[in-house]
């Protein structure tokens, strides 16, 4: 859980974090990217922000 909190703090400072997926592909993302998801058809899904 410590790593998650550190990553979240990094994102909130506007910096990028490194993300690995199940196939060990490495990508870097910022908070705006990580708070949007795409459905299977490729449409953008925006997650509600806390607060």
PDB file of N, CA and C in Angstrom:
ATOM      1  N   UNK A   1       0.831  -1.208   0.000  1.00  0.00           N
ATOM      2  CA  UNK A   1       0.000   0.000   0.000  1.00  0.00           C
ATOM      3  C   UNK A   1       0.863   1.255   0.000  1.00  0.00           C
ATOM      4  N   UNK A   2       2.035   1.165   0.590  1.00  0.00           N
ATOM      5  CA  UNK A   2       2.970   2.296   0.617  1.00  0.00           C
ATOM      6  C   UNK A   2       3.291   2.773  -0.802  1.00  0.00           C
ATOM      7  N   UNK A   3       3.526   1.819  -1.696  1.00  0.00           N
ATOM      8  CA  UNK A   3       3.874   2.183  -3.075  1.00  0.00           C
ATOM      9  C   UNK A   3       2.725   2.921  -3.752  1.00  0.00           C
ATOM     10  N   UNK A   4       1.501   2.491  -3.477  1.00  0.00           N
ATOM     11  CA  UNK A   4       0.339   3.153  -4.060  1.00  0.00           C
ATOM     12  C   UNK A   4       0.238   4.588  -3.562  1.00  0.00           C
ATOM     13  N   UNK A   5       0.445   4.799  -2.270  1.00  0.00           N
ATOM     14  CA  UNK A   5       0.372   6.141  -1.710  1.00  0.00           C
ATOM     15  C   UNK A   5       1.474   7.036  -2.268  1.00  0.00           C
ATOM     16  N   UNK A   6       2.659   6.474  -2.453  1.00  0.00           N
ATOM     17  CA  UNK A   6       3.759   7.256  -3.027  1.00  0.00           C
ATOM     18  C   UNK A   6       3.464   7.627  -4.477  1.00  0.00           C
ATOM     19  N   UNK A   7       2.912   6.683  -5.214  1.00  0.00           N
ATOM     20  CA  UNK A   7       2.569   6.962  -6.617  1.00  0.00           C
ATOM     21  C   UNK A   7       1.496   8.036  -6.701  1.00  0.00           C
ATOM     22  N   UNK A   8       0.498   7.963  -5.823  1.00  0.00           N
ATOM     23  CA  UNK A   8      -0.568   8.955  -5.820  1.00  0.00           C
ATOM     24  C   UNK A   8      -0.027  10.343  -5.486  1.00  0.00           C
ATOM     25  N   UNK A   9       0.874  10.417  -4.514  1.00  0.00           N
ATOM     26  CA  UNK A   9       1.485  11.704  -4.162  1.00  0.00           C
ATOM     27  C   UNK A   9       2.272  12.262  -5.338  1.00  0.00           C
ATOM     28  N   UNK A  10       2.967  11.390  -6.059  1.00  0.00           N
ATOM     29  CA  UNK A  10       3.720  11.814  -7.245  1.00  0.00           C
ATOM     30  C   UNK A  10       2.776  12.375  -8.302  1.00  0.00           C
ATOM     31  N   UNK A  11       1.669  11.667  -8.544  1.00  0.00           N
ATOM     32  CA  UNK A  11       0.696  12.125  -9.531  1.00  0.00           C
ATOM     33  C   UNK A  11       0.098  13.465  -9.133  1.00  0.00           C
ATOM     34  N   UNK A  12      -0.182  13.639  -7.844  1.00  0.00           N
ATOM     35  CA  UNK A  12      -0.798  14.884  -7.389  1.00  0.00           C
ATOM     36  C   UNK A  12       0.154  16.071  -7.508  1.00  0.00           C
ATOM     37  N   UNK A  13       1.451  15.795  -7.552  1.00  0.00           N
ATOM     38  CA  UNK A  13       2.428  16.869  -7.806  1.00  0.00           C
ATOM     39  C   UNK A  13       2.547  17.157  -9.300  1.00  0.00           C
ATOM     40  N   UNK A  14       1.803  16.424 -10.118  1.00  0.00           N
ATOM     41  CA  UNK A  14       1.818  16.670 -11.557  1.00  0.00           C
ATOM     42  C   UNK A  14       2.912  15.930 -12.287  1.00  0.00           C
ATOM     43  N   UNK A  15       3.544  14.982 -11.612  1.00  0.00           N
ATOM     44  CA  UNK A  15       4.621  14.236 -12.248  1.00  0.00           C
ATOM     45  C   UNK A  15       4.096  12.921 -12.815  1.00  0.00           C
ATOM     46  N   UNK A  16       4.930  12.286 -13.621  1.00  0.00           N
ATOM     47  CA  UNK A  16       4.542  11.033 -14.261  1.00  0.00           C
ATOM     48  C   UNK A  16       4.916   9.858 -13.373  1.00  0.00           C
ATOM     49  N   UNK A  17       4.164   8.764 -13.484  1.00  0.00           N
ATOM     50  CA  UNK A  17       4.535   7.518 -12.825  1.00  0.00           C
ATOM     51  C   UNK A  17       4.726   6.441 -13.881  1.00  0.00           C
ATOM     52  N   UNK A  18       5.534   5.452 -13.543  1.00  0.00           N
ATOM     53  CA  UNK A  18       5.780   4.328 -14.436  1.00  0.00           C
ATOM     54  C   UNK A  18       4.774   3.239 -14.100  1.00  0.00           C
ATOM     55  N   UNK A  19       4.141   2.706 -15.123  1.00  0.00           N
ATOM     56  CA  UNK A  19       3.118   1.684 -14.947  1.00  0.00           C
ATOM     57  C   UNK A  19       3.535   0.437 -15.727  1.00  0.00           C
ATOM     58  N   UNK A  20       3.433  -0.727 -15.085  1.00  0.00           N
ATOM     59  CA  UNK A  20       3.650  -1.970 -15.823  1.00  0.00           C
ATOM     60  C   UNK A  20       2.325  -2.725 -15.865  1.00  0.00           C
ATOM     61  N   UNK A  21       2.037  -3.312 -17.022  1.00  0.00           N
ATOM     62  CA  UNK A  21       0.794  -4.076 -17.141  1.00  0.00           C
ATOM     63  C   UNK A  21       1.074  -5.567 -16.949  1.00  0.00           C
ATOM     64  N   UNK A  22       0.065  -6.371 -17.155  1.00  0.00           N
ATOM     65  CA  UNK A  22       0.191  -7.811 -16.911  1.00  0.00           C
ATOM     66  C   UNK A  22       1.225  -8.478 -17.815  1.00  0.00           C
ATOM     67  N   UNK A  23       1.518  -7.847 -18.935  1.00  0.00           N
ATOM     68  CA  UNK A  23       2.497  -8.419 -19.861  1.00  0.00           C
ATOM     69  C   UNK A  23       3.858  -7.738 -19.719  1.00  0.00           C
ATOM     70  N   UNK A  24       4.043  -7.034 -18.587  1.00  0.00           N
ATOM     71  CA  UNK A  24       5.304  -6.358 -18.270  1.00  0.00           C
ATOM     72  C   UNK A  24       5.709  -5.304 -19.285  1.00  0.00           C
ATOM     73  N   UNK A  25       4.717  -4.731 -19.973  1.00  0.00           N
ATOM     74  CA  UNK A  25       5.014  -3.570 -20.814  1.00  0.00           C
ATOM     75  C   UNK A  25       5.073  -2.360 -19.891  1.00  0.00           C
ATOM     76  N   UNK A  26       6.076  -1.527 -20.068  1.00  0.00           N
ATOM     77  CA  UNK A  26       6.264  -0.378 -19.191  1.00  0.00           C
ATOM     78  C   UNK A  26       5.816   0.888 -19.906  1.00  0.00           C
ATOM     79  N   UNK A  27       4.963   1.657 -19.256  1.00  0.00           N
ATOM     80  CA  UNK A  27       4.536   2.937 -19.804  1.00  0.00           C
ATOM     81  C   UNK A  27       4.559   3.970 -18.686  1.00  0.00           C
ATOM     82  N   UNK A  28       4.617   5.241 -19.052  1.00  0.00           N
ATOM     83  CA  UNK A  28       4.520   6.297 -18.051  1.00  0.00           C
ATOM     84  C   UNK A  28       3.235   7.060 -18.292  1.00  0.00           C
ATOM     85  N   UNK A  29       2.563   7.384 -17.211  1.00  0.00           N
ATOM     86  CA  UNK A  29       1.279   8.073 -17.313  1.00  0.00           C
ATOM     87  C   UNK A  29       1.209   9.196 -16.299  1.00  0.00           C
ATOM     88  N   UNK A  30       0.400  10.206 -16.619  1.00  0.00           N
ATOM     89  CA  UNK A  30       0.127  11.248 -15.647  1.00  0.00           C
ATOM     90  C   UNK A  30      -1.284  11.058 -15.103  1.00  0.00           C
ATOM     91  N   UNK A  31      -1.667  11.899 -14.163  1.00  0.00           N
ATOM     92  CA  UNK A  31      -2.940  11.726 -13.477  1.00  0.00           C
ATOM     93  C   UNK A  31      -4.119  11.820 -14.441  1.00  0.00           C
ATOM     94  N   UNK A  32      -4.049  12.736 -15.402  1.00  0.00           N
ATOM     95  CA  UNK A  32      -5.157  12.897 -16.348  1.00  0.00           C
ATOM     96  C   UNK A  32      -5.379  11.610 -17.143  1.00  0.00           C
ATOM     97  N   UNK A  33      -4.288  10.975 -17.544  1.00  0.00           N
ATOM     98  CA  UNK A  33      -4.433   9.731 -18.308  1.00  0.00           C
ATOM     99  C   UNK A  33      -5.017   8.628 -17.439  1.00  0.00           C
ATOM    100  N   UNK A  34      -4.526   8.506 -16.219  1.00  0.00           N
ATOM    101  CA  UNK A  34      -4.945   7.397 -15.362  1.00  0.00           C
ATOM    102  C   UNK A  34      -6.365   7.549 -14.843  1.00  0.00           C
ATOM    103  N   UNK A  35      -6.919   8.746 -14.877  1.00  0.00           N
ATOM    104  CA  UNK A  35      -8.293   8.928 -14.414  1.00  0.00           C
ATOM    105  C   UNK A  35      -9.290   8.887 -15.570  1.00  0.00           C
ATOM    106  N   UNK A  36      -8.808   8.517 -16.768  1.00  0.00           N
ATOM    107  CA  UNK A  36      -9.719   8.266 -17.885  1.00  0.00           C
ATOM    108  C   UNK A  36      -9.508   6.825 -18.335  1.00  0.00           C
ATOM    109  N   UNK A  37     -10.582   6.156 -18.654  1.00  0.00           N
ATOM    110  CA  UNK A  37     -10.492   4.780 -19.139  1.00  0.00           C
ATOM    111  C   UNK A  37     -11.275   4.681 -20.437  1.00  0.00           C
ATOM    112  N   UNK A  38     -10.911   3.698 -21.241  1.00  0.00           N
ATOM    113  CA  UNK A  38     -11.632   3.461 -22.481  1.00  0.00           C
ATOM    114  C   UNK A  38     -12.379   2.130 -22.369  1.00  0.00           C
ATOM    115  N   UNK A  39     -13.588   2.123 -22.901  1.00  0.00           N
ATOM    116  CA  UNK A  39     -14.306   0.856 -22.934  1.00  0.00           C
ATOM    117  C   UNK A  39     -13.797   0.031 -24.121  1.00  0.00           C
ATOM    118  N   UNK A  40     -14.379  -1.144 -24.302  1.00  0.00           N
ATOM    119  CA  UNK A  40     -13.881  -2.039 -25.339  1.00  0.00           C
ATOM    120  C   UNK A  40     -14.049  -1.468 -26.741  1.00  0.00           C
ATOM    121  N   UNK A  41     -14.959  -0.531 -26.925  1.00  0.00           N
ATOM    122  CA  UNK A  41     -15.158   0.076 -28.236  1.00  0.00           C
ATOM    123  C   UNK A  41     -14.217   1.271 -28.455  1.00  0.00           C
ATOM    124  N   UNK A  42     -13.439   1.623 -27.447  1.00  0.00           N
ATOM    125  CA  UNK A  42     -12.496   2.713 -27.579  1.00  0.00           C
ATOM    126  C   UNK A  42     -13.048   4.069 -27.187  1.00  0.00           C
ATOM    127  N   UNK A  43     -14.291   4.093 -26.671  1.00  0.00           N
ATOM    128  CA  UNK A  43     -14.843   5.365 -26.224  1.00  0.00           C
ATOM    129  C   UNK A  43     -14.224   5.770 -24.899  1.00  0.00           C
ATOM    130  N   UNK A  44     -14.001   7.050 -24.727  1.00  0.00           N
ATOM    131  CA  UNK A  44     -13.383   7.547 -23.507  1.00  0.00           C
ATOM    132  C   UNK A  44     -14.393   7.541 -22.365  1.00  0.00           C
ATOM    133  N   UNK A  45     -13.969   7.022 -21.219  1.00  0.00           N
ATOM    134  CA  UNK A  45     -14.800   7.017 -20.019  1.00  0.00           C
ATOM    135  C   UNK A  45     -14.072   7.840 -18.966  1.00  0.00           C
ATOM    136  N   UNK A  46     -14.685   8.900 -18.485  1.00  0.00           N
ATOM    137  CA  UNK A  46     -14.051   9.738 -17.468  1.00  0.00           C
ATOM    138  C   UNK A  46     -14.560   9.327 -16.095  1.00  0.00           C
ATOM    139  N   UNK A  47     -13.638   9.032 -15.206  1.00  0.00           N
ATOM    140  CA  UNK A  47     -14.010   8.640 -13.856  1.00  0.00           C
ATOM    141  C   UNK A  47     -14.303   9.884 -13.030  1.00  0.00           C
ATOM    142  N   UNK A  48     -15.282   9.819 -12.126  1.00  0.00           N
ATOM    143  CA  UNK A  48     -15.556  10.987 -11.283  1.00  0.00           C
ATOM    144  C   UNK A  48     -14.377  11.278 -10.357  1.00  0.00           C
ATOM    145  N   UNK A  49     -14.086  12.548 -10.170  1.00  0.00           N
ATOM    146  CA  UNK A  49     -12.987  12.921  -9.283  1.00  0.00           C
ATOM    147  C   UNK A  49     -13.489  13.009  -7.858  1.00  0.00           C
ATOM    148  N   UNK A  50     -12.645  12.653  -6.909  1.00  0.00           N
ATOM    149  CA  UNK A  50     -13.014  12.726  -5.489  1.00  0.00           C
ATOM    150  C   UNK A  50     -13.230  14.175  -5.090  1.00  0.00           C
ATOM    151  N   UNK A  51     -14.226  14.403  -4.265  1.00  0.00           N
ATOM    152  CA  UNK A  51     -14.473  15.752  -3.788  1.00  0.00           C
ATOM    153  C   UNK A  51     -15.423  16.474  -4.694  1.00  0.00           C
TER     154      UNK A  51
END
